[in-house]
Amino acid sequence: MSSAADNAKHVPVMLRRTLEMLAPALRAPGAVVVDATLGLGGHSEALLREFPEVRLVATDRDPAALRLAGERLAPFGDRATLVHAVYDEIPEVLERLGIEQIHGALFDLGVSSMQLDEADRGFAYAQDAPLDMRMDQTVGISAAEVLNTYSHGELARILKVYGEERFAGKIASAVLREREKEPFSNSARLVDLVRNSIPAATRRTGGNPAKRTFQALRIEVNGELTVLERAIPGALATLAVGGRIAVFSYHSLEDRLVKGFFTEAAATNAPPGLPVVPEEYQPRFKLLTRGAELPTEEEIAENRRATPARLRGAERIRERVGS
């Protein structure tokens, strides 16, 4: 079990770059920043230290993360408000708190270090554990239930779409065959099944062959892409002029969605051929990154889990149309 002391040693992904990206928006008195994915609280703690005037609202769907991060952030008193919520609920959370606009937003997507490190959560394919994978273990169905109840077509679809797994059909067939003998409950059996379903030549490259299957199950169990499709537009809508948003993605499906929302927000929607673009058609946002920024070797050395990270940022430069 993690402790507050253990969490304090954790180095958040690309921390200095995150603070620099959000800094212009958070230096003003009364600034509010949302940490949409609180996790171990590392980014939140750094934001509160770096910007002494800022108020933090942080959400997480994992009650264990909220408890541990709450211990870590306790010294900041009422500057930090922690809420048990999924990050697509941020507009509703802010409304309940009486906050109309925010000045910064941070999303660190995917599974948290705490969830990976706690063996009984079932996120990590490198250790045998119950196949749960729920970020909030109080709601929803587990990964084992998905494996034991989904049809061949449903399993193959999530493995192909969410895991980008070339051998989705073969793995789904093996799952249905094996669950007839005994329902799935632990991760080691699934890891072996995936390895045996993939050609030997493919197994020799690209790391653990179960990685894509575990990613697909985690995304399905937690509805991650569906949540993200609602969360980014919701966060963009709550940003004040001059407000900034930073998003870390860890696989191409997430990054593609974030890129699409940011690109749309930063584009003009004027009819083509206008000699002068009226104010109402001007872009509402500008991009703060050219493409997705990748971690440096030093940032990866500080935290190996930063290796696949992709950072994108945007700033609101105009009020929303009609406001």
C-alpha atoms as a PDB file:
ATOM      1  CA  MET A   1       0.000   0.000   0.000  1.00  0.00           C
ATOM      2  CA  SER A   2       1.303   3.448  -0.906  1.00  0.00           C
ATOM      3  CA  SER A   3       1.900   6.087   1.748  1.00  0.00           C
ATOM      4  CA  ALA A   4       2.053   9.869   1.680  1.00  0.00           C
ATOM      5  CA  ALA A   5       5.815   9.634   2.201  1.00  0.00           C
ATOM      6  CA  ASP A   6       6.199   7.308  -0.784  1.00  0.00           C
ATOM      7  CA  ASN A   7       4.104   9.639  -2.920  1.00  0.00           C
ATOM      8  CA  ALA A   8       6.272  12.636  -2.048  1.00  0.00           C
ATOM      9  CA  LYS A   9       9.251  10.860  -3.671  1.00  0.00           C
ATOM     10  CA  HIS A  10       7.365  10.442  -6.946  1.00  0.00           C
ATOM     11  CA  VAL A  11       8.524  12.815  -9.694  1.00  0.00           C
ATOM     12  CA  PRO A  12       5.553  14.010 -11.781  1.00  0.00           C
ATOM     13  CA  VAL A  13       5.809  13.719 -15.561  1.00  0.00           C
ATOM     14  CA  MET A  14       7.579  16.666 -17.238  1.00  0.00           C
ATOM     15  CA  LEU A  15       6.941  18.812 -14.173  1.00  0.00           C
ATOM     16  CA  ARG A  16       9.043  21.891 -14.931  1.00  0.00           C
ATOM     17  CA  ARG A  17       7.645  22.137 -18.459  1.00  0.00           C
ATOM     18  CA  THR A  18       4.088  21.908 -17.126  1.00  0.00           C
ATOM     19  CA  LEU A  19       4.671  24.749 -14.658  1.00  0.00           C
ATOM     20  CA  GLU A  20       6.251  26.916 -17.352  1.00  0.00           C
ATOM     21  CA  MET A  21       3.366  26.304 -19.747  1.00  0.00           C
ATOM     22  CA  LEU A  22       0.698  27.237 -17.189  1.00  0.00           C
ATOM     23  CA  ALA A  23       2.657  30.035 -15.453  1.00  0.00           C
ATOM     24  CA  PRO A  24       1.448  33.044 -17.528  1.00  0.00           C
ATOM     25  CA  ALA A  25      -2.142  32.190 -16.623  1.00  0.00           C
ATOM     26  CA  LEU A  26      -1.617  31.433 -12.941  1.00  0.00           C
ATOM     27  CA  ARG A  27       0.376  34.398 -11.677  1.00  0.00           C
ATOM     28  CA  ALA A  28      -2.660  36.687 -11.341  1.00  0.00           C
ATOM     29  CA  PRO A  29      -4.233  37.007  -7.878  1.00  0.00           C
ATOM     30  CA  GLY A  30      -7.343  34.874  -7.554  1.00  0.00           C
ATOM     31  CA  ALA A  31      -6.332  32.442 -10.299  1.00  0.00           C
ATOM     32  CA  VAL A  32      -8.017  29.018 -10.185  1.00  0.00           C
ATOM     33  CA  VAL A  33      -6.338  25.914 -11.592  1.00  0.00           C
ATOM     34  CA  VAL A  34      -7.952  22.520 -12.111  1.00  0.00           C
ATOM     35  CA  ASP A  35      -5.922  19.327 -11.821  1.00  0.00           C
ATOM     36  CA  ALA A  36      -8.338  17.011 -13.586  1.00  0.00           C
ATOM     37  CA  THR A  37      -6.375  13.849 -12.764  1.00  0.00           C
ATOM     38  CA  LEU A  38      -5.057  14.305  -9.234  1.00  0.00           C
ATOM     39  CA  GLY A  39      -3.417  10.900  -8.820  1.00  0.00           C
ATOM     40  CA  LEU A  40      -0.597  11.054  -6.293  1.00  0.00           C
ATOM     41  CA  GLY A  41      -0.885  14.841  -6.108  1.00  0.00           C
ATOM     42  CA  GLY A  42       2.589  15.657  -7.414  1.00  0.00           C
ATOM     43  CA  HIS A  43       1.539  18.136 -10.060  1.00  0.00           C
ATOM     44  CA  SER A  44      -0.982  19.708  -7.671  1.00  0.00           C
ATOM     45  CA  GLU A  45       1.571  20.153  -4.917  1.00  0.00           C
ATOM     46  CA  ALA A  46       4.015  21.793  -7.340  1.00  0.00           C
ATOM     47  CA  LEU A  47       1.300  24.154  -8.645  1.00  0.00           C
ATOM     48  CA  LEU A  48       0.391  25.243  -5.111  1.00  0.00           C
ATOM     49  CA  ARG A  49       4.052  25.836  -4.202  1.00  0.00           C
ATOM     50  CA  GLU A  50       4.976  27.599  -7.429  1.00  0.00           C
ATOM     51  CA  PHE A  51       1.973  29.933  -7.444  1.00  0.00           C
ATOM     52  CA  PRO A  52       1.260  31.027  -3.844  1.00  0.00           C
ATOM     53  CA  GLU A  53      -1.921  32.904  -4.801  1.00  0.00           C
ATOM     54  CA  VAL A  54      -3.527  30.128  -6.802  1.00  0.00           C
ATOM     55  CA  ARG A  55      -6.575  28.127  -5.734  1.00  0.00           C
ATOM     56  CA  LEU A  56      -6.593  24.459  -6.748  1.00  0.00           C
ATOM     57  CA  VAL A  57      -9.588  22.308  -7.592  1.00  0.00           C
ATOM     58  CA  ALA A  58      -8.524  18.690  -8.131  1.00  0.00           C
ATOM     59  CA  THR A  59     -10.615  15.716  -9.205  1.00  0.00           C
ATOM     60  CA  ASP A  60      -9.993  11.988  -9.247  1.00  0.00           C
ATOM     61  CA  ARG A  61     -12.286   9.011  -9.650  1.00  0.00           C
ATOM     62  CA  ASP A  62     -10.107   6.873  -7.355  1.00  0.00           C
ATOM     63  CA  PRO A  63     -10.995   7.207  -3.633  1.00  0.00           C
ATOM     64  CA  ALA A  64      -7.587   5.822  -2.609  1.00  0.00           C
ATOM     65  CA  ALA A  65      -5.800   8.516  -4.651  1.00  0.00           C
ATOM     66  CA  LEU A  66      -7.933  11.235  -3.071  1.00  0.00           C
ATOM     67  CA  ARG A  67      -7.089   9.995   0.425  1.00  0.00           C
ATOM     68  CA  LEU A  68      -3.337   9.866  -0.176  1.00  0.00           C
ATOM     69  CA  ALA A  69      -3.189  13.129  -2.112  1.00  0.00           C
ATOM     70  CA  GLY A  70      -5.307  14.732   0.590  1.00  0.00           C
ATOM     71  CA  GLU A  71      -2.607  13.916   3.147  1.00  0.00           C
ATOM     72  CA  ARG A  72       0.038  15.356   0.851  1.00  0.00           C
ATOM     73  CA  LEU A  73      -1.861  18.579   0.183  1.00  0.00           C
ATOM     74  CA  ALA A  74      -3.153  19.096   3.730  1.00  0.00           C
ATOM     75  CA  PRO A  75      -0.507  21.793   4.498  1.00  0.00           C
ATOM     76  CA  PHE A  76      -2.118  24.044   1.863  1.00  0.00           C
ATOM     77  CA  GLY A  77      -5.405  24.164   3.755  1.00  0.00           C
ATOM     78  CA  ASP A  78      -8.411  25.603   1.941  1.00  0.00           C
ATOM     79  CA  ARG A  79      -6.336  26.582  -1.103  1.00  0.00           C
ATOM     80  CA  ALA A  80      -6.874  22.990  -2.271  1.00  0.00           C
ATOM     81  CA  THR A  81     -10.332  21.516  -2.892  1.00  0.00           C
ATOM     82  CA  LEU A  82     -10.329  17.789  -3.697  1.00  0.00           C
ATOM     83  CA  VAL A  83     -13.412  16.239  -5.278  1.00  0.00           C
ATOM     84  CA  HIS A  84     -14.342  12.610  -5.990  1.00  0.00           C
ATOM     85  CA  ALA A  85     -15.374  12.903  -9.635  1.00  0.00           C
ATOM     86  CA  VAL A  86     -14.503  11.764 -13.138  1.00  0.00           C
ATOM     87  CA  TYR A  87     -12.806  14.485 -15.152  1.00  0.00           C
ATOM     88  CA  ASP A  88     -15.661  14.924 -17.608  1.00  0.00           C
ATOM     89  CA  GLU A  89     -17.681  16.192 -14.625  1.00  0.00           C
ATOM     90  CA  ILE A  90     -15.458  19.259 -14.128  1.00  0.00           C
ATOM     91  CA  PRO A  91     -18.058  21.823 -15.348  1.00  0.00           C
ATOM     92  CA  GLU A  92     -20.566  20.444 -12.814  1.00  0.00           C
ATOM     93  CA  VAL A  93     -17.929  20.396 -10.044  1.00  0.00           C
ATOM     94  CA  LEU A  94     -17.046  24.031 -10.720  1.00  0.00           C
ATOM     95  CA  GLU A  95     -20.719  25.027 -10.770  1.00  0.00           C
ATOM     96  CA  ARG A  96     -21.258  23.397  -7.351  1.00  0.00           C
ATOM     97  CA  LEU A  97     -18.261  25.336  -6.014  1.00  0.00           C
ATOM     98  CA  GLY A  98     -19.567  28.614  -7.441  1.00  0.00           C
ATOM     99  CA  ILE A  99     -16.613  28.993  -9.830  1.00  0.00           C
ATOM    100  CA  GLU A 100     -17.583  30.435 -13.212  1.00  0.00           C
ATOM    101  CA  GLN A 101     -14.187  30.398 -14.952  1.00  0.00           C
ATOM    102  CA  ILE A 102     -10.768  28.891 -14.422  1.00  0.00           C
ATOM    103  CA  HIS A 103      -7.309  30.071 -15.446  1.00  0.00           C
ATOM    104  CA  GLY A 104      -5.469  26.786 -15.817  1.00  0.00           C
ATOM    105  CA  ALA A 105      -6.288  23.121 -16.430  1.00  0.00           C
ATOM    106  CA  LEU A 106      -4.038  20.077 -16.343  1.00  0.00           C
ATOM    107  CA  PHE A 107      -4.887  16.585 -17.588  1.00  0.00           C
ATOM    108  CA  ASP A 108      -2.398  13.756 -17.004  1.00  0.00           C
ATOM    109  CA  LEU A 109      -4.286  10.968 -18.756  1.00  0.00           C
ATOM    110  CA  GLY A 110      -4.142   7.211 -18.396  1.00  0.00           C
ATOM    111  CA  VAL A 111      -3.394   5.072 -15.376  1.00  0.00           C
ATOM    112  CA  SER A 112      -1.668   6.667 -12.390  1.00  0.00           C
ATOM    113  CA  SER A 113       1.612   5.521 -10.843  1.00  0.00           C
ATOM    114  CA  MET A 114      -0.227   4.525  -7.679  1.00  0.00           C
ATOM    115  CA  GLN A 115      -2.603   2.293  -9.631  1.00  0.00           C
ATOM    116  CA  LEU A 116       0.283   0.667 -11.501  1.00  0.00           C
ATOM    117  CA  ASP A 117       2.276   0.115  -8.319  1.00  0.00           C
ATOM    118  CA  GLU A 118      -0.518  -1.468  -6.283  1.00  0.00           C
ATOM    119  CA  ALA A 119      -0.501  -5.091  -7.409  1.00  0.00           C
ATOM    120  CA  ASP A 120      -4.068  -5.881  -6.351  1.00  0.00           C
ATOM    121  CA  ARG A 121      -5.496  -3.367  -8.838  1.00  0.00           C
ATOM    122  CA  GLY A 122      -4.592  -5.565 -11.844  1.00  0.00           C
ATOM    123  CA  PHE A 123      -3.305  -2.770 -14.125  1.00  0.00           C
ATOM    124  CA  ALA A 124       0.240  -4.100 -14.528  1.00  0.00           C
ATOM    125  CA  TYR A 125       0.849  -7.067 -16.793  1.00  0.00           C
ATOM    126  CA  ALA A 126       4.285  -7.639 -15.209  1.00  0.00           C
ATOM    127  CA  GLN A 127       2.832  -9.017 -11.946  1.00  0.00           C
ATOM    128  CA  ASP A 128       0.062 -11.493 -11.218  1.00  0.00           C
ATOM    129  CA  ALA A 129      -2.999  -9.829  -9.695  1.00  0.00           C
ATOM    130  CA  PRO A 130      -6.799  -9.924  -9.779  1.00  0.00           C
ATOM    131  CA  LEU A 131      -8.068  -8.617 -13.125  1.00  0.00           C
ATOM    132  CA  ASP A 132      -9.860  -5.526 -11.873  1.00  0.00           C
ATOM    133  CA  MET A 133      -8.476  -2.391 -13.643  1.00  0.00           C
ATOM    134  CA  ARG A 134     -11.246  -0.086 -12.377  1.00  0.00           C
ATOM    135  CA  MET A 135      -9.893   3.328 -11.426  1.00  0.00           C
ATOM    136  CA  ASP A 136     -12.844   3.615  -9.047  1.00  0.00           C
ATOM    137  CA  GLN A 137     -13.399   0.163  -7.573  1.00  0.00           C
ATOM    138  CA  THR A 138     -16.785   1.181  -6.173  1.00  0.00           C
ATOM    139  CA  VAL A 139     -18.511   1.295  -9.582  1.00  0.00           C
ATOM    140  CA  GLY A 140     -18.592  -0.444 -12.942  1.00  0.00           C
ATOM    141  CA  ILE A 141     -17.476  -3.856 -14.175  1.00  0.00           C
ATOM    142  CA  SER A 142     -13.992  -5.305 -13.815  1.00  0.00           C
ATOM    143  CA  ALA A 143     -11.654  -6.479 -16.560  1.00  0.00           C
ATOM    144  CA  ALA A 144     -12.370 -10.072 -15.519  1.00  0.00           C
ATOM    145  CA  GLU A 145     -16.104  -9.500 -16.105  1.00  0.00           C
ATOM    146  CA  VAL A 146     -15.341  -8.116 -19.565  1.00  0.00           C
ATOM    147  CA  LEU A 147     -13.266 -11.181 -20.439  1.00  0.00           C
ATOM    148  CA  ASN A 148     -15.844 -13.600 -19.045  1.00  0.00           C
ATOM    149  CA  THR A 149     -19.021 -12.068 -20.518  1.00  0.00           C
ATOM    150  CA  TYR A 150     -18.275 -10.180 -23.761  1.00  0.00           C
ATOM    151  CA  SER A 151     -18.973 -11.842 -27.094  1.00  0.00           C
ATOM    152  CA  HIS A 152     -16.174 -12.684 -29.505  1.00  0.00           C
ATOM    153  CA  GLY A 153     -17.096  -9.694 -31.644  1.00  0.00           C
ATOM    154  CA  GLU A 154     -17.134  -7.283 -28.692  1.00  0.00           C
ATOM    155  CA  LEU A 155     -13.777  -8.511 -27.393  1.00  0.00           C
ATOM    156  CA  ALA A 156     -12.156  -8.396 -30.807  1.00  0.00           C
ATOM    157  CA  ARG A 157     -13.456  -4.864 -31.340  1.00  0.00           C
ATOM    158  CA  ILE A 158     -12.073  -3.402 -28.123  1.00  0.00           C
ATOM    159  CA  LEU A 159      -8.718  -5.161 -28.592  1.00  0.00           C
ATOM    160  CA  LYS A 160      -8.429  -3.861 -32.154  1.00  0.00           C
ATOM    161  CA  VAL A 161      -9.740  -0.316 -31.544  1.00  0.00           C
ATOM    162  CA  TYR A 162      -8.490   0.433 -28.025  1.00  0.00           C
ATOM    163  CA  GLY A 163      -5.370  -1.726 -28.065  1.00  0.00           C
ATOM    164  CA  GLU A 164      -4.531  -1.363 -31.759  1.00  0.00           C
ATOM    165  CA  GLU A 165      -3.872  -5.093 -31.587  1.00  0.00           C
ATOM    166  CA  ARG A 166      -3.271  -6.808 -34.946  1.00  0.00           C
ATOM    167  CA  PHE A 167      -4.155 -10.231 -33.556  1.00  0.00           C
ATOM    168  CA  ALA A 168      -7.378  -9.154 -31.841  1.00  0.00           C
ATOM    169  CA  GLY A 169      -9.470 -11.910 -33.410  1.00  0.00           C
ATOM    170  CA  LYS A 170      -7.056 -14.683 -32.432  1.00  0.00           C
ATOM    171  CA  ILE A 171      -6.810 -13.406 -28.849  1.00  0.00           C
ATOM    172  CA  ALA A 172     -10.606 -13.098 -28.569  1.00  0.00           C
ATOM    173  CA  SER A 173     -11.020 -16.682 -29.826  1.00  0.00           C
ATOM    174  CA  ALA A 174      -8.508 -17.921 -27.252  1.00  0.00           C
ATOM    175  CA  VAL A 175     -10.297 -16.030 -24.463  1.00  0.00           C
ATOM    176  CA  LEU A 176     -13.664 -17.596 -25.322  1.00  0.00           C
ATOM    177  CA  ARG A 177     -12.098 -21.062 -25.537  1.00  0.00           C
ATOM    178  CA  GLU A 178     -10.273 -20.739 -22.215  1.00  0.00           C
ATOM    179  CA  ARG A 179     -13.117 -19.175 -20.237  1.00  0.00           C
ATOM    180  CA  GLU A 180     -15.243 -22.259 -20.997  1.00  0.00           C
ATOM    181  CA  LYS A 181     -12.719 -24.276 -18.966  1.00  0.00           C
ATOM    182  CA  GLU A 182     -12.462 -21.733 -16.152  1.00  0.00           C
ATOM    183  CA  PRO A 183     -13.466 -18.057 -15.850  1.00  0.00           C
ATOM    184  CA  PHE A 184     -10.646 -15.500 -15.903  1.00  0.00           C
ATOM    185  CA  SER A 185      -9.716 -13.979 -12.559  1.00  0.00           C
ATOM    186  CA  ASN A 186      -5.970 -13.171 -12.551  1.00  0.00           C
ATOM    187  CA  SER A 187      -3.632 -11.343 -14.889  1.00  0.00           C
ATOM    188  CA  ALA A 188      -0.867 -13.967 -15.271  1.00  0.00           C
ATOM    189  CA  ARG A 189      -3.220 -16.347 -17.091  1.00  0.00           C
ATOM    190  CA  LEU A 190      -4.231 -13.595 -19.519  1.00  0.00           C
ATOM    191  CA  VAL A 191      -0.594 -12.645 -20.155  1.00  0.00           C
ATOM    192  CA  ASP A 192       0.200 -16.281 -21.023  1.00  0.00           C
ATOM    193  CA  LEU A 193      -2.850 -16.541 -23.284  1.00  0.00           C
ATOM    194  CA  VAL A 194      -1.888 -13.403 -25.237  1.00  0.00           C
ATOM    195  CA  ARG A 195       1.705 -14.552 -25.606  1.00  0.00           C
ATOM    196  CA  ASN A 196       0.591 -17.921 -26.949  1.00  0.00           C
ATOM    197  CA  SER A 197      -1.882 -16.286 -29.369  1.00  0.00           C
ATOM    198  CA  ILE A 198       0.723 -14.114 -31.087  1.00  0.00           C
ATOM    199  CA  PRO A 199       3.229 -15.456 -33.652  1.00  0.00           C
ATOM    200  CA  ALA A 200       6.725 -16.037 -32.283  1.00  0.00           C
ATOM    201  CA  ALA A 201       8.315 -13.561 -34.702  1.00  0.00           C
ATOM    202  CA  THR A 202       6.025 -10.798 -33.434  1.00  0.00           C
ATOM    203  CA  ARG A 203       6.675 -11.679 -29.779  1.00  0.00           C
ATOM    204  CA  ARG A 204      10.377 -10.954 -30.218  1.00  0.00           C
ATOM    205  CA  THR A 205       9.838  -7.214 -30.756  1.00  0.00           C
ATOM    206  CA  GLY A 206       7.901  -4.401 -29.120  1.00  0.00           C
ATOM    207  CA  GLY A 207       8.070  -5.373 -25.456  1.00  0.00           C
ATOM    208  CA  ASN A 208       5.521  -7.457 -23.577  1.00  0.00           C
ATOM    209  CA  PRO A 209       2.919  -8.700 -26.094  1.00  0.00           C
ATOM    210  CA  ALA A 210       0.169  -8.338 -23.460  1.00  0.00           C
ATOM    211  CA  LYS A 211       0.647  -4.565 -23.252  1.00  0.00           C
ATOM    212  CA  ARG A 212      -1.914  -3.751 -25.952  1.00  0.00           C
ATOM    213  CA  THR A 213      -4.534  -6.136 -24.529  1.00  0.00           C
ATOM    214  CA  PHE A 214      -4.182  -4.657 -21.043  1.00  0.00           C
ATOM    215  CA  GLN A 215      -4.457  -1.135 -22.475  1.00  0.00           C
ATOM    216  CA  ALA A 216      -7.632  -2.075 -24.345  1.00  0.00           C
ATOM    217  CA  LEU A 217      -9.258  -3.642 -21.293  1.00  0.00           C
ATOM    218  CA  ARG A 218      -8.368  -0.673 -19.080  1.00  0.00           C
ATOM    219  CA  ILE A 219      -9.842   1.813 -21.585  1.00  0.00           C
ATOM    220  CA  GLU A 220     -13.023  -0.271 -21.890  1.00  0.00           C
ATOM    221  CA  VAL A 221     -13.495  -0.785 -18.145  1.00  0.00           C
ATOM    222  CA  ASN A 222     -13.041   2.918 -17.362  1.00  0.00           C
ATOM    223  CA  GLY A 223     -14.709   4.346 -20.479  1.00  0.00           C
ATOM    224  CA  GLU A 224     -11.590   6.466 -20.928  1.00  0.00           C
ATOM    225  CA  LEU A 225     -12.046   7.678 -24.495  1.00  0.00           C
ATOM    226  CA  THR A 226     -15.745   8.408 -24.001  1.00  0.00           C
ATOM    227  CA  VAL A 227     -14.902  10.431 -20.898  1.00  0.00           C
ATOM    228  CA  LEU A 228     -12.099  12.260 -22.718  1.00  0.00           C
ATOM    229  CA  GLU A 229     -14.415  13.194 -25.609  1.00  0.00           C
ATOM    230  CA  ARG A 230     -16.594  15.087 -23.111  1.00  0.00           C
ATOM    231  CA  ALA A 231     -13.834  16.324 -20.799  1.00  0.00           C
ATOM    232  CA  ILE A 232     -11.657  18.366 -23.158  1.00  0.00           C
ATOM    233  CA  PRO A 233     -14.505  20.476 -24.631  1.00  0.00           C
ATOM    234  CA  GLY A 234     -15.836  20.954 -21.085  1.00  0.00           C
ATOM    235  CA  ALA A 235     -12.481  22.204 -19.828  1.00  0.00           C
ATOM    236  CA  LEU A 236     -11.962  24.487 -22.833  1.00  0.00           C
ATOM    237  CA  ALA A 237     -15.380  26.035 -22.253  1.00  0.00           C
ATOM    238  CA  THR A 238     -14.551  26.939 -18.641  1.00  0.00           C
ATOM    239  CA  LEU A 239     -11.231  28.686 -19.403  1.00  0.00           C
ATOM    240  CA  ALA A 240     -11.127  32.467 -19.009  1.00  0.00           C
ATOM    241  CA  VAL A 241      -9.412  34.600 -21.648  1.00  0.00           C
ATOM    242  CA  GLY A 242      -5.693  34.112 -21.053  1.00  0.00           C
ATOM    243  CA  GLY A 243      -6.383  30.752 -19.426  1.00  0.00           C
ATOM    244  CA  ARG A 244      -4.221  27.796 -20.410  1.00  0.00           C
ATOM    245  CA  ILE A 245      -4.692  24.040 -20.630  1.00  0.00           C
ATOM    246  CA  ALA A 246      -1.984  21.347 -20.674  1.00  0.00           C
ATOM    247  CA  VAL A 247      -2.735  17.712 -21.555  1.00  0.00           C
ATOM    248  CA  PHE A 248      -0.467  14.670 -21.307  1.00  0.00           C
ATOM    249  CA  SER A 249      -1.455  11.693 -23.476  1.00  0.00           C
ATOM    250  CA  TYR A 250       0.211   8.280 -23.370  1.00  0.00           C
ATOM    251  CA  HIS A 251      -1.039   6.546 -26.499  1.00  0.00           C
ATOM    252  CA  SER A 252      -2.082   7.559 -29.970  1.00  0.00           C
ATOM    253  CA  LEU A 253      -5.840   7.237 -29.381  1.00  0.00           C
ATOM    254  CA  GLU A 254      -5.774   9.820 -26.586  1.00  0.00           C
ATOM    255  CA  ASP A 255      -3.394  12.122 -28.417  1.00  0.00           C
ATOM    256  CA  ARG A 256      -5.479  12.032 -31.588  1.00  0.00           C
ATOM    257  CA  LEU A 257      -8.580  13.145 -29.686  1.00  0.00           C
ATOM    258  CA  VAL A 258      -6.759  15.947 -27.866  1.00  0.00           C
ATOM    259  CA  LYS A 259      -5.149  17.128 -31.110  1.00  0.00           C
ATOM    260  CA  GLY A 260      -8.540  17.225 -32.824  1.00  0.00           C
ATOM    261  CA  PHE A 261     -10.201  19.325 -30.109  1.00  0.00           C
ATOM    262  CA  PHE A 262      -7.272  21.744 -29.873  1.00  0.00           C
ATOM    263  CA  THR A 263      -6.972  22.121 -33.641  1.00  0.00           C
ATOM    264  CA  GLU A 264     -10.693  22.843 -33.979  1.00  0.00           C
ATOM    265  CA  ALA A 265     -10.619  25.394 -31.136  1.00  0.00           C
ATOM    266  CA  ALA A 266      -7.645  27.207 -32.702  1.00  0.00           C
ATOM    267  CA  ALA A 267      -9.126  27.354 -36.208  1.00  0.00           C
ATOM    268  CA  THR A 268     -11.204  30.090 -37.785  1.00  0.00           C
ATOM    269  CA  ASN A 269     -14.743  29.093 -38.748  1.00  0.00           C
ATOM    270  CA  ALA A 270     -15.141  31.929 -41.238  1.00  0.00           C
ATOM    271  CA  PRO A 271     -16.614  31.201 -44.662  1.00  0.00           C
ATOM    272  CA  PRO A 272     -13.813  30.942 -47.233  1.00  0.00           C
ATOM    273  CA  GLY A 273     -12.945  33.965 -49.359  1.00  0.00           C
ATOM    274  CA  LEU A 274     -13.693  36.760 -46.882  1.00  0.00           C
ATOM    275  CA  PRO A 275     -11.215  39.645 -47.382  1.00  0.00           C
ATOM    276  CA  VAL A 276     -11.373  40.434 -43.651  1.00  0.00           C
ATOM    277  CA  VAL A 277     -12.325  37.860 -41.006  1.00  0.00           C
ATOM    278  CA  PRO A 278     -14.923  39.356 -38.595  1.00  0.00           C
ATOM    279  CA  GLU A 279     -14.286  39.055 -34.869  1.00  0.00           C
ATOM    280  CA  GLU A 280     -16.958  36.408 -34.350  1.00  0.00           C
ATOM    281  CA  TYR A 281     -15.111  34.077 -36.733  1.00  0.00           C
ATOM    282  CA  GLN A 282     -11.660  34.560 -35.222  1.00  0.00           C
ATOM    283  CA  PRO A 283     -10.059  31.578 -33.440  1.00  0.00           C
ATOM    284  CA  ARG A 284     -10.925  31.353 -29.748  1.00  0.00           C
ATOM    285  CA  PHE A 285      -7.673  29.592 -28.834  1.00  0.00           C
ATOM    286  CA  LYS A 286      -4.055  29.483 -29.881  1.00  0.00           C
ATOM    287  CA  LEU A 287      -1.855  26.399 -29.698  1.00  0.00           C
ATOM    288  CA  LEU A 288       1.066  26.493 -27.256  1.00  0.00           C
ATOM    289  CA  THR A 289       2.863  23.488 -28.728  1.00  0.00           C
ATOM    290  CA  ARG A 290       3.916  22.749 -32.275  1.00  0.00           C
ATOM    291  CA  GLY A 291       2.556  19.244 -32.577  1.00  0.00           C
ATOM    292  CA  ALA A 292       2.993  17.168 -29.436  1.00  0.00           C
ATOM    293  CA  GLU A 293       6.052  17.827 -27.284  1.00  0.00           C
ATOM    294  CA  LEU A 294       8.010  14.756 -26.182  1.00  0.00           C
ATOM    295  CA  PRO A 295       9.950  14.241 -22.940  1.00  0.00           C
ATOM    296  CA  THR A 296      13.695  14.872 -22.922  1.00  0.00           C
ATOM    297  CA  GLU A 297      16.212  12.219 -21.902  1.00  0.00           C
ATOM    298  CA  GLU A 298      16.555  14.010 -18.559  1.00  0.00           C
ATOM    299  CA  GLU A 299      12.789  13.948 -17.989  1.00  0.00           C
ATOM    300  CA  ILE A 300      12.686  10.236 -18.790  1.00  0.00           C
ATOM    301  CA  ALA A 301      15.599   9.630 -16.405  1.00  0.00           C
ATOM    302  CA  GLU A 302      13.605  11.384 -13.651  1.00  0.00           C
ATOM    303  CA  ASN A 303      10.525   9.272 -14.337  1.00  0.00           C
ATOM    304  CA  ARG A 304      10.635   6.310 -16.733  1.00  0.00           C
ATOM    305  CA  ARG A 305       6.860   6.431 -17.084  1.00  0.00           C
ATOM    306  CA  ALA A 306       7.255   9.713 -18.947  1.00  0.00           C
ATOM    307  CA  THR A 307       8.699   7.809 -21.934  1.00  0.00           C
ATOM    308  CA  PRO A 308       5.473   7.617 -24.012  1.00  0.00           C
ATOM    309  CA  ALA A 309       4.128  11.009 -22.842  1.00  0.00           C
ATOM    310  CA  ARG A 310       2.914  13.546 -25.396  1.00  0.00           C
ATOM    311  CA  LEU A 311       2.237  17.110 -24.184  1.00  0.00           C
ATOM    312  CA  ARG A 312      -0.113  19.532 -25.914  1.00  0.00           C
ATOM    313  CA  GLY A 313      -1.167  22.978 -24.710  1.00  0.00           C
ATOM    314  CA  ALA A 314      -3.590  25.721 -25.712  1.00  0.00           C
ATOM    315  CA  GLU A 315      -4.539  29.214 -24.509  1.00  0.00           C
ATOM    316  CA  ARG A 316      -7.892  30.987 -24.774  1.00  0.00           C
ATOM    317  CA  ILE A 317      -7.355  34.278 -26.631  1.00  0.00           C
ATOM    318  CA  ARG A 318     -10.983  35.331 -27.165  1.00  0.00           C
ATOM    319  CA  GLU A 319     -14.298  34.990 -25.380  1.00  0.00           C
ATOM    320  CA  ARG A 320     -16.615  32.329 -26.673  1.00  0.00           C
ATOM    321  CA  VAL A 321     -18.951  33.413 -29.452  1.00  0.00           C
ATOM    322  CA  GLY A 322     -22.079  35.078 -28.107  1.00  0.00           C
ATOM    323  CA  SER A 323     -20.712  35.764 -24.632  1.00  0.00           C
END
